[in-house]
Amino acid sequence: MPYVNIKITREGGVTAEQKARLIAGATELLREVLGKNPLTTVVVIDEVDTDNWGIGGESITQRRNQGK
């Protein structure tokens, strides 16, 4: 049973339609590439606040505020 965890920042208003497309696309990719059964493929999308996601010692919030 494949388990896919997609993590994105919670900003910009990702729509339910976009999330549905991510779920369908990841499921199809596993079927196509690895022959996995779509009925047993689990896809979870986690939306993370930018204060809780860091790169290079800074939060995404800080980086965005600095124009990085």
Protein backbone atom coordinates (compact mmCIF):
# COMPACT_ATOMS: atom_id res chain seq x y z
CA MET A 1 0.00 0.00 0.00
CA PRO A 2 1.83 3.13 -1.19
CA TYR A 3 1.67 6.21 1.01
CA VAL A 4 2.44 9.60 -0.50
CA ASN A 5 2.76 12.71 1.67
CA ILE A 6 2.70 16.03 -0.18
CA LYS A 7 3.70 19.04 1.91
CA ILE A 8 2.93 22.55 0.71
CA THR A 9 2.95 25.93 2.41
CA ARG A 10 -0.41 27.23 3.54
CA GLU A 11 -0.63 30.34 1.41
CA GLY A 12 -1.94 31.41 -1.92
CA GLY A 13 -5.25 29.61 -1.50
CA VAL A 14 -4.70 26.14 -2.88
CA THR A 15 -8.15 25.10 -4.05
CA ALA A 16 -9.97 21.84 -3.45
CA GLU A 17 -9.76 21.24 -7.21
CA GLN A 18 -5.97 21.64 -7.21
CA LYS A 19 -5.66 19.25 -4.27
CA ALA A 20 -7.88 16.72 -6.05
CA ARG A 21 -5.60 16.97 -9.09
CA LEU A 22 -2.51 16.39 -6.93
CA ILE A 23 -4.12 13.32 -5.37
CA ALA A 24 -5.20 11.91 -8.73
CA GLY A 25 -1.85 12.70 -10.34
CA ALA A 26 0.24 11.10 -7.60
CA THR A 27 -1.99 8.04 -7.63
CA GLU A 28 -1.73 7.70 -11.41
CA LEU A 29 2.05 8.18 -11.34
CA LEU A 30 2.47 5.29 -8.89
CA ARG A 31 0.19 3.12 -11.03
CA GLU A 32 2.06 3.99 -14.22
CA VAL A 33 5.64 3.81 -12.96
CA LEU A 34 5.47 1.13 -10.27
CA GLY A 35 2.31 -0.77 -11.17
CA LYS A 36 0.70 0.07 -7.82
CA ASN A 37 -3.01 -0.46 -7.30
CA PRO A 38 -4.81 2.92 -7.19
CA LEU A 39 -7.39 1.46 -4.81
CA THR A 40 -4.75 0.98 -2.13
CA THR A 41 -2.72 4.14 -2.75
CA VAL A 42 -2.97 6.72 0.03
CA VAL A 43 -2.18 10.38 -0.66
CA VAL A 44 -2.10 12.96 2.13
CA ILE A 45 -1.65 16.69 1.59
CA ASP A 46 -0.28 18.64 4.54
CA GLU A 47 -0.51 22.42 4.45
CA VAL A 48 2.20 23.93 6.65
CA ASP A 49 2.18 27.49 7.96
CA THR A 50 5.13 29.44 6.58
CA ASP A 51 6.27 30.15 10.16
CA ASN A 52 6.72 26.39 10.57
CA TRP A 53 8.78 25.76 7.42
CA GLY A 54 12.41 26.79 7.27
CA ILE A 55 15.19 26.91 4.72
CA GLY A 56 18.75 28.01 5.41
CA GLY A 57 18.07 28.87 9.05
CA GLU A 58 15.09 31.11 8.29
CA SER A 59 11.38 30.55 8.20
CA ILE A 60 9.61 30.89 4.86
CA THR A 61 7.76 33.86 6.39
CA GLN A 62 11.06 35.65 7.06
CA ARG A 63 12.40 34.82 3.61
CA ARG A 64 9.27 36.07 1.89
CA ASN A 65 9.33 39.29 3.92
CA GLN A 66 12.92 39.83 2.78
CA GLY A 67 11.99 39.19 -0.85
CA LYS A 68 13.92 35.94 -1.13
